PDB file of N, CA and C in Angstrom:
ATOM      1  N   MET A   1     115.318 107.739 115.107  1.00  0.00           N
ATOM      2  CA  MET A   1     114.796 107.130 113.926  1.00  0.00           C
ATOM      3  C   MET A   1     115.594 105.536 113.820  1.00  0.00           C
ATOM      4  N   LYS A   2     114.668 104.518 113.631  1.00  0.00           N
ATOM      5  CA  LYS A   2     114.949 103.058 113.259  1.00  0.00           C
ATOM      6  C   LYS A   2     115.542 102.930 112.146  1.00  0.00           C
ATOM      7  N   VAL A   3     116.670 102.184 111.922  1.00  0.00           N
ATOM      8  CA  VAL A   3     117.462 101.735 110.859  1.00  0.00           C
ATOM      9  C   VAL A   3     117.716 100.430 110.512  1.00  0.00           C
ATOM     10  N   LEU A   4     117.250  99.962 109.410  1.00  0.00           N
ATOM     11  CA  LEU A   4     117.447  98.264 109.412  1.00  0.00           C
ATOM     12  C   LEU A   4     118.794  98.402 108.547  1.00  0.00           C
ATOM     13  N   VAL A   5     119.763  97.277 108.881  1.00  0.00           N
ATOM     14  CA  VAL A   5     120.966  97.102 107.975  1.00  0.00           C
ATOM     15  C   VAL A   5     120.683  95.569 107.635  1.00  0.00           C
ATOM     16  N   VAL A   6     120.803  95.105 106.337  1.00  0.00           N
ATOM     17  CA  VAL A   6     120.629  93.829 105.906  1.00  0.00           C
ATOM     18  C   VAL A   6     121.926  93.616 105.210  1.00  0.00           C
ATOM     19  N   ASP A   7     122.555  92.365 105.999  1.00  0.00           N
ATOM     20  CA  ASP A   7     123.574  91.659 104.941  1.00  0.00           C
ATOM     21  C   ASP A   7     124.133  90.811 105.554  1.00  0.00           C
ATOM     22  N   ASP A   8     124.407  89.583 104.698  1.00  0.00           N
ATOM     23  CA  ASP A   8     125.202  88.494 105.349  1.00  0.00           C
ATOM     24  C   ASP A   8     126.014  88.634 106.002  1.00  0.00           C
ATOM     25  N   SER A   9     126.846  89.594 105.468  1.00  0.00           N
ATOM     26  CA  SER A   9     128.274  89.514 106.046  1.00  0.00           C
ATOM     27  C   SER A   9     128.232  90.421 107.529  1.00  0.00           C
ATOM     28  N   LYS A  10     128.454  89.870 108.496  1.00  0.00           N
ATOM     29  CA  LYS A  10     128.695  90.901 109.540  1.00  0.00           C
ATOM     30  C   LYS A  10     129.734  91.886 109.598  1.00  0.00           C
ATOM     31  N   LEU A  11     130.805  91.680 108.818  1.00  0.00           N
ATOM     32  CA  LEU A  11     131.765  92.715 108.772  1.00  0.00           C
ATOM     33  C   LEU A  11     130.985  94.028 108.005  1.00  0.00           C
ATOM     34  N   ALA A  12     130.202  93.578 106.659  1.00  0.00           N
ATOM     35  CA  ALA A  12     129.692  94.701 106.233  1.00  0.00           C
ATOM     36  C   ALA A  12     128.263  95.563 106.961  1.00  0.00           C
ATOM     37  N   ARG A  13     127.798  94.624 107.531  1.00  0.00           N
ATOM     38  CA  ARG A  13     126.761  95.276 108.622  1.00  0.00           C
ATOM     39  C   ARG A  13     127.466  96.450 109.221  1.00  0.00           C
ATOM     40  N   LEU A  14     128.811  96.080 109.940  1.00  0.00           N
ATOM     41  CA  LEU A  14     129.079  96.552 111.369  1.00  0.00           C
ATOM     42  C   LEU A  14     130.051  98.297 110.473  1.00  0.00           C
ATOM     43  N   THR A  15     130.417  97.676 109.411  1.00  0.00           N
ATOM     44  CA  THR A  15     131.084  99.141 108.319  1.00  0.00           C
ATOM     45  C   THR A  15     129.803 100.094 108.084  1.00  0.00           C
ATOM     46  N   LEU A  16     128.955  99.604 107.750  1.00  0.00           N
ATOM     47  CA  LEU A  16     127.706 100.804 106.952  1.00  0.00           C
ATOM     48  C   LEU A  16     127.214 101.047 108.910  1.00  0.00           C
ATOM     49  N   ILE A  17     127.254 100.493 109.445  1.00  0.00           N
ATOM     50  CA  ILE A  17     126.532 100.972 110.556  1.00  0.00           C
ATOM     51  C   ILE A  17     127.467 101.973 111.467  1.00  0.00           C
ATOM     52  N   LYS A  18     128.867 101.696 111.178  1.00  0.00           N
ATOM     53  CA  LYS A  18     129.775 102.657 111.714  1.00  0.00           C
ATOM     54  C   LYS A  18     129.781 104.230 111.040  1.00  0.00           C
ATOM     55  N   THR A  19     129.616 103.868 109.747  1.00  0.00           N
ATOM     56  CA  THR A  19     129.489 104.921 108.354  1.00  0.00           C
ATOM     57  C   THR A  19     128.336 105.873 108.854  1.00  0.00           C
ATOM     58  N   LEU A  20     127.167 104.999 109.062  1.00  0.00           N
ATOM     59  CA  LEU A  20     126.107 105.677 109.674  1.00  0.00           C
ATOM     60  C   LEU A  20     125.666 106.639 110.804  1.00  0.00           C
ATOM     61  N   LYS A  21     126.337 105.787 111.499  1.00  0.00           N
ATOM     62  CA  LYS A  21     126.585 106.689 112.993  1.00  0.00           C
ATOM     63  C   LYS A  21     127.322 107.852 113.242  1.00  0.00           C
ATOM     64  N   GLU A  22     128.581 108.319 112.094  1.00  0.00           N
ATOM     65  CA  GLU A  22     129.098 109.429 111.927  1.00  0.00           C
ATOM     66  C   GLU A  22     128.047 110.356 111.816  1.00  0.00           C
ATOM     67  N   TYR A  23     127.063 110.452 111.103  1.00  0.00           N
ATOM     68  CA  TYR A  23     125.871 111.254 110.420  1.00  0.00           C
ATOM     69  C   TYR A  23     124.699 111.260 111.577  1.00  0.00           C
ATOM     70  N   GLU A  24     124.379 109.858 112.002  1.00  0.00           N
ATOM     71  CA  GLU A  24     123.186 110.119 112.571  1.00  0.00           C
ATOM     72  C   GLU A  24     123.279 109.103 114.372  1.00  0.00           C
ATOM     73  N   PRO A  25     124.197 109.592 114.987  1.00  0.00           N
ATOM     74  CA  PRO A  25     124.796 108.984 116.114  1.00  0.00           C
ATOM     75  C   PRO A  25     123.639 108.453 117.065  1.00  0.00           C
ATOM     76  N   SER A  26     122.341 108.975 117.168  1.00  0.00           N
ATOM     77  CA  SER A  26     121.186 108.638 117.772  1.00  0.00           C
ATOM     78  C   SER A  26     120.332 107.285 116.791  1.00  0.00           C
ATOM     79  N   ALA A  27     120.615 106.984 116.078  1.00  0.00           N
ATOM     80  CA  ALA A  27     119.795 105.867 115.219  1.00  0.00           C
ATOM     81  C   ALA A  27     120.014 104.849 116.100  1.00  0.00           C
ATOM     82  N   GLU A  28     118.671 104.245 115.888  1.00  0.00           N
ATOM     83  CA  GLU A  28     118.496 102.650 116.770  1.00  0.00           C
ATOM     84  C   GLU A  28     118.835 101.825 115.439  1.00  0.00           C
ATOM     85  N   ILE A  29     119.622 101.112 115.568  1.00  0.00           N
ATOM     86  CA  ILE A  29     120.219 100.257 114.644  1.00  0.00           C
ATOM     87  C   ILE A  29     119.427  98.878 114.955  1.00  0.00           C
ATOM     88  N   LEU A  30     119.102  98.221 113.662  1.00  0.00           N
ATOM     89  CA  LEU A  30     118.433  97.012 113.705  1.00  0.00           C
ATOM     90  C   LEU A  30     119.180  96.206 112.629  1.00  0.00           C
ATOM     91  N   GLU A  31     119.455  95.032 112.975  1.00  0.00           N
ATOM     92  CA  GLU A  31     119.951  94.232 112.134  1.00  0.00           C
ATOM     93  C   GLU A  31     119.146  92.682 111.585  1.00  0.00           C
ATOM     94  N   ALA A  32     119.583  92.314 110.385  1.00  0.00           N
ATOM     95  CA  ALA A  32     119.046  90.847 109.836  1.00  0.00           C
ATOM     96  C   ALA A  32     120.461  90.581 108.935  1.00  0.00           C
ATOM     97  N   GLU A  33     120.476  89.177 108.740  1.00  0.00           N
ATOM     98  CA  GLU A  33     121.394  88.606 108.324  1.00  0.00           C
ATOM     99  C   GLU A  33     120.994  88.054 106.774  1.00  0.00           C
ATOM    100  N   ASN A  34     119.707  88.144 106.661  1.00  0.00           N
ATOM    101  CA  ASN A  34     119.268  87.670 105.451  1.00  0.00           C
ATOM    102  C   ASN A  34     117.686  88.217 105.384  1.00  0.00           C
ATOM    103  N   GLY A  35     117.551  88.008 103.892  1.00  0.00           N
ATOM    104  CA  GLY A  35     116.095  88.916 103.569  1.00  0.00           C
ATOM    105  C   GLY A  35     114.904  88.409 104.574  1.00  0.00           C
ATOM    106  N   ALA A  36     115.028  86.870 104.715  1.00  0.00           N
ATOM    107  CA  ALA A  36     113.580  86.329 105.557  1.00  0.00           C
ATOM    108  C   ALA A  36     113.849  87.000 107.163  1.00  0.00           C
ATOM    109  N   VAL A  37     114.873  87.312 107.388  1.00  0.00           N
ATOM    110  CA  VAL A  37     114.320  87.989 108.844  1.00  0.00           C
ATOM    111  C   VAL A  37     114.343  89.380 108.888  1.00  0.00           C
ATOM    112  N   ALA A  38     114.822  89.680 107.733  1.00  0.00           N
ATOM    113  CA  ALA A  38     114.591  91.494 107.276  1.00  0.00           C
ATOM    114  C   ALA A  38     113.113  92.122 107.356  1.00  0.00           C
ATOM    115  N   VAL A  39     112.753  90.907 107.016  1.00  0.00           N
ATOM    116  CA  VAL A  39     111.033  91.508 106.486  1.00  0.00           C
ATOM    117  C   VAL A  39     110.358  91.224 107.818  1.00  0.00           C
ATOM    118  N   GLU A  40     110.688  90.197 108.251  1.00  0.00           N
ATOM    119  CA  GLU A  40     110.281  89.868 110.075  1.00  0.00           C
ATOM    120  C   GLU A  40     110.155  90.834 110.717  1.00  0.00           C
ATOM    121  N   VAL A  41     111.583  91.750 111.338  1.00  0.00           N
ATOM    122  CA  VAL A  41     112.176  92.778 111.336  1.00  0.00           C
ATOM    123  C   VAL A  41     111.178  94.151 111.146  1.00  0.00           C
ATOM    124  N   PHE A  42     111.180  94.180 109.436  1.00  0.00           N
ATOM    125  CA  PHE A  42     110.914  95.218 109.280  1.00  0.00           C
ATOM    126  C   PHE A  42     109.253  95.341 109.507  1.00  0.00           C
ATOM    127  N   GLN A  43     108.566  94.239 109.681  1.00  0.00           N
ATOM    128  CA  GLN A  43     107.135  94.260 109.967  1.00  0.00           C
ATOM    129  C   GLN A  43     106.969  94.442 111.189  1.00  0.00           C
ATOM    130  N   ALA A  44     107.945  94.159 111.783  1.00  0.00           N
ATOM    131  CA  ALA A  44     107.591  94.249 113.359  1.00  0.00           C
ATOM    132  C   ALA A  44     108.230  95.410 113.451  1.00  0.00           C
ATOM    133  N   GLU A  45     109.164  96.290 113.385  1.00  0.00           N
ATOM    134  CA  GLU A  45     109.906  97.567 113.688  1.00  0.00           C
ATOM    135  C   GLU A  45     109.409  98.589 113.106  1.00  0.00           C
ATOM    136  N   SER A  46     109.290  98.384 111.748  1.00  0.00           N
ATOM    137  CA  SER A  46     108.756  99.654 110.806  1.00  0.00           C
ATOM    138  C   SER A  46     110.027 100.854 110.734  1.00  0.00           C
ATOM    139  N   PRO A  47     111.083 100.373 110.592  1.00  0.00           N
ATOM    140  CA  PRO A  47     112.137 101.237 110.187  1.00  0.00           C
ATOM    141  C   PRO A  47     112.141 102.496 109.265  1.00  0.00           C
ATOM    142  N   ARG A  48     112.389 103.346 109.764  1.00  0.00           N
ATOM    143  CA  ARG A  48     112.718 104.427 108.692  1.00  0.00           C
ATOM    144  C   ARG A  48     113.268 104.395 107.436  1.00  0.00           C
ATOM    145  N   VAL A  49     114.388 104.022 107.673  1.00  0.00           N
ATOM    146  CA  VAL A  49     115.111 103.507 106.557  1.00  0.00           C
ATOM    147  C   VAL A  49     115.822 102.127 106.503  1.00  0.00           C
ATOM    148  N   VAL A  50     115.915 101.707 105.341  1.00  0.00           N
ATOM    149  CA  VAL A  50     116.526  99.913 105.342  1.00  0.00           C
ATOM    150  C   VAL A  50     117.721 100.156 104.204  1.00  0.00           C
ATOM    151  N   PHE A  51     118.566  99.721 104.807  1.00  0.00           N
ATOM    152  CA  PHE A  51     119.977  99.621 104.169  1.00  0.00           C
ATOM    153  C   PHE A  51     120.269  97.740 103.677  1.00  0.00           C
ATOM    154  N   LEU A  52     119.741  97.718 102.327  1.00  0.00           N
ATOM    155  CA  LEU A  52     119.481  96.400 102.245  1.00  0.00           C
ATOM    156  C   LEU A  52     120.701  95.589 100.872  1.00  0.00           C
ATOM    157  N   ASP A  53     121.327  94.552 101.277  1.00  0.00           N
ATOM    158  CA  ASP A  53     121.973  93.933 100.305  1.00  0.00           C
ATOM    159  C   ASP A  53     121.425  93.255  99.520  1.00  0.00           C
ATOM    160  N   LEU A  54     121.696  92.747  98.332  1.00  0.00           N
ATOM    161  CA  LEU A  54     121.048  92.003  97.414  1.00  0.00           C
ATOM    162  C   LEU A  54     121.361  90.033  97.383  1.00  0.00           C
ATOM    163  N   THR A  55     122.268  90.248  97.608  1.00  0.00           N
ATOM    164  CA  THR A  55     122.847  88.619  97.618  1.00  0.00           C
ATOM    165  C   THR A  55     122.986  87.985  99.007  1.00  0.00           C
ATOM    166  N   MET A  56     122.338  87.248  99.157  1.00  0.00           N
ATOM    167  CA  MET A  56     122.164  86.878 100.608  1.00  0.00           C
ATOM    168  C   MET A  56     121.258  85.380 100.525  1.00  0.00           C
ATOM    169  N   PRO A  57     121.968  84.721 101.476  1.00  0.00           N
ATOM    170  CA  PRO A  57     121.282  83.522 101.989  1.00  0.00           C
ATOM    171  C   PRO A  57     119.784  83.418 102.049  1.00  0.00           C
ATOM    172  N   VAL A  58     119.157  82.114 101.875  1.00  0.00           N
ATOM    173  CA  VAL A  58     117.801  82.046 102.215  1.00  0.00           C
ATOM    174  C   VAL A  58     116.352  83.067 101.547  1.00  0.00           C
ATOM    175  N   MET A  59     116.939  84.289 101.589  1.00  0.00           N
ATOM    176  CA  MET A  59     115.823  85.194 100.921  1.00  0.00           C
ATOM    177  C   MET A  59     116.794  86.137 100.243  1.00  0.00           C
ATOM    178  N   ASP A  60     116.862  86.088  98.428  1.00  0.00           N
ATOM    179  CA  ASP A  60     118.056  87.583  98.085  1.00  0.00           C
ATOM    180  C   ASP A  60     117.288  88.869  98.851  1.00  0.00           C
ATOM    181  N   GLY A  61     117.676  89.960  98.361  1.00  0.00           N
ATOM    182  CA  GLY A  61     117.436  91.134  98.558  1.00  0.00           C
ATOM    183  C   GLY A  61     116.226  91.707  97.694  1.00  0.00           C
ATOM    184  N   PHE A  62     116.187  91.103  96.312  1.00  0.00           N
ATOM    185  CA  PHE A  62     115.237  91.265  95.168  1.00  0.00           C
ATOM    186  C   PHE A  62     113.944  91.122  96.243  1.00  0.00           C
ATOM    187  N   GLU A  63     113.682  89.762  96.500  1.00  0.00           N
ATOM    188  CA  GLU A  63     112.224  89.238  96.982  1.00  0.00           C
ATOM    189  C   GLU A  63     111.788  90.287  98.512  1.00  0.00           C
ATOM    190  N   ALA A  64     113.356  90.496  99.262  1.00  0.00           N
ATOM    191  CA  ALA A  64     112.581  91.272 100.605  1.00  0.00           C
ATOM    192  C   ALA A  64     112.320  92.393 100.098  1.00  0.00           C
ATOM    193  N   LEU A  65     113.022  93.318  98.996  1.00  0.00           N
ATOM    194  CA  LEU A  65     112.512  94.438  98.965  1.00  0.00           C
ATOM    195  C   LEU A  65     110.922  94.376  98.411  1.00  0.00           C
ATOM    196  N   GLU A  66     110.894  93.321  97.806  1.00  0.00           N
ATOM    197  CA  GLU A  66     109.266  93.224  96.985  1.00  0.00           C
ATOM    198  C   GLU A  66     108.462  93.230  98.318  1.00  0.00           C
ATOM    199  N   ARG A  67     108.840  92.221  99.007  1.00  0.00           N
ATOM    200  CA  ARG A  67     107.630  91.914 100.361  1.00  0.00           C
ATOM    201  C   ARG A  67     107.727  93.246 101.161  1.00  0.00           C
ATOM    202  N   MET A  68     108.606  93.903 101.576  1.00  0.00           N
ATOM    203  CA  MET A  68     108.848  95.224 102.175  1.00  0.00           C
ATOM    204  C   MET A  68     108.118  96.280 101.598  1.00  0.00           C
ATOM    205  N   MET A  69     108.290  96.450 100.209  1.00  0.00           N
ATOM    206  CA  MET A  69     107.143  97.629  99.451  1.00  0.00           C
ATOM    207  C   MET A  69     105.793  96.884  99.540  1.00  0.00           C
ATOM    208  N   HIS A  70     105.547  95.785  99.732  1.00  0.00           N
ATOM    209  CA  HIS A  70     103.999  95.278  99.693  1.00  0.00           C
ATOM    210  C   HIS A  70     103.294  95.771 101.291  1.00  0.00           C
ATOM    211  N   ILE A  71     104.759  95.455 102.417  1.00  0.00           N
ATOM    212  CA  ILE A  71     104.104  95.732 103.763  1.00  0.00           C
ATOM    213  C   ILE A  71     103.775  97.678 103.794  1.00  0.00           C
ATOM    214  N   ASN A  72     104.881  98.078 103.439  1.00  0.00           N
ATOM    215  CA  ASN A  72     104.744 100.013 103.524  1.00  0.00           C
ATOM    216  C   ASN A  72     105.555 100.245 101.914  1.00  0.00           C
ATOM    217  N   PRO A  73     104.386 100.488 101.130  1.00  0.00           N
ATOM    218  CA  PRO A  73     104.695 101.179  99.777  1.00  0.00           C
ATOM    219  C   PRO A  73     105.722 102.627  99.950  1.00  0.00           C
ATOM    220  N   LYS A  74     105.556 103.487 101.006  1.00  0.00           N
ATOM    221  CA  LYS A  74     106.475 104.337 101.137  1.00  0.00           C
ATOM    222  C   LYS A  74     108.019 104.002 102.144  1.00  0.00           C
ATOM    223  N   ALA A  75     108.005 102.888 102.044  1.00  0.00           N
ATOM    224  CA  ALA A  75     109.399 102.381 102.740  1.00  0.00           C
ATOM    225  C   ALA A  75     110.281 103.320 101.991  1.00  0.00           C
ATOM    226  N   GLN A  76     111.218 103.812 102.803  1.00  0.00           N
ATOM    227  CA  GLN A  76     112.913 103.797 102.005  1.00  0.00           C
ATOM    228  C   GLN A  76     114.023 103.070 102.252  1.00  0.00           C
ATOM    229  N   VAL A  77     113.864 102.600 101.124  1.00  0.00           N
ATOM    230  CA  VAL A  77     114.982 101.476 101.100  1.00  0.00           C
ATOM    231  C   VAL A  77     116.354 101.934 100.126  1.00  0.00           C
ATOM    232  N   VAL A  78     117.442 101.754 100.520  1.00  0.00           N
ATOM    233  CA  VAL A  78     118.697 101.862 100.180  1.00  0.00           C
ATOM    234  C   VAL A  78     119.523 100.572  99.755  1.00  0.00           C
ATOM    235  N   VAL A  79     119.390  99.811  98.334  1.00  0.00           N
ATOM    236  CA  VAL A  79     120.461  98.893  98.337  1.00  0.00           C
ATOM    237  C   VAL A  79     121.651  99.439  98.238  1.00  0.00           C
ATOM    238  N   VAL A  80     122.228  98.579  98.931  1.00  0.00           N
ATOM    239  CA  VAL A  80     123.933  98.514  98.872  1.00  0.00           C
ATOM    240  C   VAL A  80     124.319  97.244  98.463  1.00  0.00           C
ATOM    241  N   SER A  81     125.154  97.268  97.235  1.00  0.00           N
ATOM    242  CA  SER A  81     125.694  95.996  96.748  1.00  0.00           C
ATOM    243  C   SER A  81     126.184  96.274  95.745  1.00  0.00           C
ATOM    244  N   ALA A  82     127.396  94.771  95.888  1.00  0.00           N
ATOM    245  CA  ALA A  82     128.699  94.972  94.993  1.00  0.00           C
ATOM    246  C   ALA A  82     127.893  94.752  93.277  1.00  0.00           C
ATOM    247  N   ASP A  83     126.651  94.283  92.958  1.00  0.00           N
ATOM    248  CA  ASP A  83     125.990  93.928  91.784  1.00  0.00           C
ATOM    249  C   ASP A  83     125.776  95.409  91.347  1.00  0.00           C
ATOM    250  N   ILE A  84     126.348  95.905  90.554  1.00  0.00           N
ATOM    251  CA  ILE A  84     125.936  97.139  90.156  1.00  0.00           C
ATOM    252  C   ILE A  84     125.830  97.264  88.576  1.00  0.00           C
ATOM    253  N   GLN A  85     125.485  96.041  88.097  1.00  0.00           N
ATOM    254  CA  GLN A  85     124.542  95.450  86.856  1.00  0.00           C
ATOM    255  C   GLN A  85     123.618  96.674  86.865  1.00  0.00           C
ATOM    256  N   THR A  86     123.511  97.215  85.794  1.00  0.00           N
ATOM    257  CA  THR A  86     122.206  98.083  85.248  1.00  0.00           C
ATOM    258  C   THR A  86     121.224  97.289  85.523  1.00  0.00           C
ATOM    259  N   GLN A  87     121.190  96.230  84.770  1.00  0.00           N
ATOM    260  CA  GLN A  87     119.691  95.582  85.049  1.00  0.00           C
ATOM    261  C   GLN A  87     119.187  95.416  86.367  1.00  0.00           C
ATOM    262  N   ALA A  88     120.458  95.107  87.180  1.00  0.00           N
ATOM    263  CA  ALA A  88     119.960  95.070  88.777  1.00  0.00           C
ATOM    264  C   ALA A  88     119.540  96.420  89.370  1.00  0.00           C
ATOM    265  N   GLN A  89     120.057  97.412  89.007  1.00  0.00           N
ATOM    266  CA  GLN A  89     119.755  98.752  89.331  1.00  0.00           C
ATOM    267  C   GLN A  89     118.346  99.036  88.948  1.00  0.00           C
ATOM    268  N   GLU A  90     117.981  99.051  87.698  1.00  0.00           N
ATOM    269  CA  GLU A  90     116.934  99.120  86.979  1.00  0.00           C
ATOM    270  C   GLU A  90     115.918  98.357  87.780  1.00  0.00           C
ATOM    271  N   ARG A  91     116.268  97.174  88.056  1.00  0.00           N
ATOM    272  CA  ARG A  91     114.868  95.805  88.807  1.00  0.00           C
ATOM    273  C   ARG A  91     114.995  96.641  90.317  1.00  0.00           C
ATOM    274  N   VAL A  92     116.028  96.881  90.767  1.00  0.00           N
ATOM    275  CA  VAL A  92     115.428  97.363  92.405  1.00  0.00           C
ATOM    276  C   VAL A  92     114.607  98.851  92.556  1.00  0.00           C
ATOM    277  N   LEU A  93     115.054  99.607  91.540  1.00  0.00           N
ATOM    278  CA  LEU A  93     114.058 101.182  91.479  1.00  0.00           C
ATOM    279  C   LEU A  93     113.144 100.454  90.771  1.00  0.00           C
ATOM    280  N   ALA A  94     112.680  99.546  90.038  1.00  0.00           N
ATOM    281  CA  ALA A  94     110.969  99.322  89.977  1.00  0.00           C
ATOM    282  C   ALA A  94     110.640  98.749  90.756  1.00  0.00           C
ATOM    283  N   LEU A  95     111.208  98.035  91.704  1.00  0.00           N
ATOM    284  CA  LEU A  95     110.243  97.434  92.588  1.00  0.00           C
ATOM    285  C   LEU A  95     109.945  98.248  93.938  1.00  0.00           C
ATOM    286  N   GLY A  96     110.878  99.473  93.633  1.00  0.00           N
ATOM    287  CA  GLY A  96     110.589 100.642  94.833  1.00  0.00           C
ATOM    288  C   GLY A  96     111.381 100.884  95.708  1.00  0.00           C
ATOM    289  N   ALA A  97     112.844 100.586  95.463  1.00  0.00           N
ATOM    290  CA  ALA A  97     113.853 101.087  96.121  1.00  0.00           C
ATOM    291  C   ALA A  97     113.950 102.549  96.122  1.00  0.00           C
ATOM    292  N   LYS A  98     114.686 103.455  96.731  1.00  0.00           N
ATOM    293  CA  LYS A  98     114.836 104.663  97.053  1.00  0.00           C
ATOM    294  C   LYS A  98     115.847 105.051  96.019  1.00  0.00           C
ATOM    295  N   LEU A  99     117.206 104.123  96.079  1.00  0.00           N
ATOM    296  CA  LEU A  99     118.704 104.440  95.541  1.00  0.00           C
ATOM    297  C   LEU A  99     118.991 103.314  95.354  1.00  0.00           C
ATOM    298  N   MET A 100     120.571 103.147  94.802  1.00  0.00           N
ATOM    299  CA  MET A 100     121.044 101.764  94.899  1.00  0.00           C
ATOM    300  C   MET A 100     122.231 102.345  94.856  1.00  0.00           C
ATOM    301  N   VAL A 101     123.151 101.969  95.832  1.00  0.00           N
ATOM    302  CA  VAL A 101     124.775 102.849  95.975  1.00  0.00           C
ATOM    303  C   VAL A 101     125.581 101.544  96.048  1.00  0.00           C
ATOM    304  N   PRO A 102     126.853 101.370  95.222  1.00  0.00           N
ATOM    305  CA  PRO A 102     127.667 100.268  95.409  1.00  0.00           C
ATOM    306  C   PRO A 102     128.235 100.024  96.663  1.00  0.00           C
ATOM    307  N   LYS A 103     128.506  99.191  96.914  1.00  0.00           N
ATOM    308  CA  LYS A 103     129.669  98.953  98.213  1.00  0.00           C
ATOM    309  C   LYS A 103     131.204  98.966  97.843  1.00  0.00           C
ATOM    310  N   PRO A 104     131.878  99.237  98.597  1.00  0.00           N
ATOM    311  CA  PRO A 104     131.653  99.584 100.164  1.00  0.00           C
ATOM    312  C   PRO A 104     130.872 101.198 100.067  1.00  0.00           C
ATOM    313  N   ILE A 105     130.065 101.211 101.236  1.00  0.00           N
ATOM    314  CA  ILE A 105     129.779 102.887 101.327  1.00  0.00           C
ATOM    315  C   ILE A 105     130.364 103.681 102.231  1.00  0.00           C
ATOM    316  N   ASN A 106     130.975 104.711 101.890  1.00  0.00           N
ATOM    317  CA  ASN A 106     132.095 105.437 102.890  1.00  0.00           C
ATOM    318  C   ASN A 106     131.350 106.636 103.355  1.00  0.00           C
ATOM    319  N   ALA A 107     131.948 107.485 103.961  1.00  0.00           N
ATOM    320  CA  ALA A 107     131.483 108.564 104.546  1.00  0.00           C
ATOM    321  C   ALA A 107     130.737 109.509 103.808  1.00  0.00           C
ATOM    322  N   ASP A 108     131.567 109.998 102.519  1.00  0.00           N
ATOM    323  CA  ASP A 108     130.826 110.493 101.758  1.00  0.00           C
ATOM    324  C   ASP A 108     129.577 109.995 100.649  1.00  0.00           C
ATOM    325  N   LYS A 109     129.426 108.633 100.689  1.00  0.00           N
ATOM    326  CA  LYS A 109     128.138 108.192 100.054  1.00  0.00           C
ATOM    327  C   LYS A 109     127.271 108.071 100.615  1.00  0.00           C
ATOM    328  N   MET A 110     127.382 107.734 102.508  1.00  0.00           N
ATOM    329  CA  MET A 110     126.561 108.244 103.018  1.00  0.00           C
ATOM    330  C   MET A 110     125.683 109.258 102.993  1.00  0.00           C
ATOM    331  N   LEU A 111     126.620 110.551 103.086  1.00  0.00           N
ATOM    332  CA  LEU A 111     126.154 111.769 103.352  1.00  0.00           C
ATOM    333  C   LEU A 111     124.998 111.943 102.243  1.00  0.00           C
ATOM    334  N   GLY A 112     125.789 111.570 100.948  1.00  0.00           N
ATOM    335  CA  GLY A 112     124.470 111.663  99.704  1.00  0.00           C
ATOM    336  C   GLY A 112     123.375 111.204  99.972  1.00  0.00           C
ATOM    337  N   VAL A 113     123.527 109.890 100.292  1.00  0.00           N
ATOM    338  CA  VAL A 113     122.330 108.863 100.553  1.00  0.00           C
ATOM    339  C   VAL A 113     121.296 109.506 102.011  1.00  0.00           C
ATOM    340  N   LEU A 114     121.811 109.947 103.000  1.00  0.00           N
ATOM    341  CA  LEU A 114     121.265 110.466 103.680  1.00  0.00           C
ATOM    342  C   LEU A 114     120.381 111.991 103.079  1.00  0.00           C
ATOM    343  N   GLN A 115     121.419 112.611 102.815  1.00  0.00           N
ATOM    344  CA  GLN A 115     120.503 113.779 101.811  1.00  0.00           C
ATOM    345  C   GLN A 115     119.238 113.699 101.327  1.00  0.00           C
ATOM    346  N   GLN A 116     119.447 112.379 100.513  1.00  0.00           N
ATOM    347  CA  GLN A 116     118.183 112.611  99.492  1.00  0.00           C
ATOM    348  C   GLN A 116     116.957 111.277 100.194  1.00  0.00           C
ATOM    349  N   LEU A 117     117.136 111.041 101.518  1.00  0.00           N
ATOM    350  CA  LEU A 117     115.824 110.352 102.068  1.00  0.00           C
ATOM    351  C   LEU A 117     114.879 111.546 102.541  1.00  0.00           C
ATOM    352  N   VAL A 118     113.905 111.341 103.043  1.00  0.00           N
ATOM    353  CA  VAL A 118     112.847 111.795 103.864  1.00  0.00           C
ATOM    354  C   VAL A 118     113.030 111.785 105.115  1.00  0.00           C
ATOM    355  N   PHE A 119     113.298 112.811 106.215  1.00  0.00           N
ATOM    356  CA  PHE A 119     113.292 112.335 107.484  1.00  0.00           C
ATOM    357  C   PHE A 119     112.009 112.496 108.541  1.00  0.00           C
TER     358      PHE A 119
END
C-alpha cells in the first residue's frame, strides 16, 4: 500500500510515518514537503492514502486537496493539522477529505483513522 505523507516539517513527517508503520509495516511511504510537490507525487504514484497538512509554503493543503480530488475523486485524504477550527474542518470535508485529525497523531488516533479508511 502506498501512502503519501505531506508536511513542511520533516519532524512531523517522520513522527507520522513512525506511527503509521506500527500498524502498516509494509506500507510504501512517499513524502512531500509542500502541496505542489504532493500533487506531483499524487499524480505520478497514485497513493492509496494521503496524510496532508494544511499550513505549508508554496501550496497549502487546501489547494493541494482540491487538486488531488480533481485528479481522483475517490482519493482517501486525511488532513492532519494543528488548525482545528470548525471552518477549516468544514472546508476540508467539503473539498473531499475523508477525515481531519488534530496534530500530533499518536498511535490511538492512527488506529482510529486506519479503521475508517477503505483498503
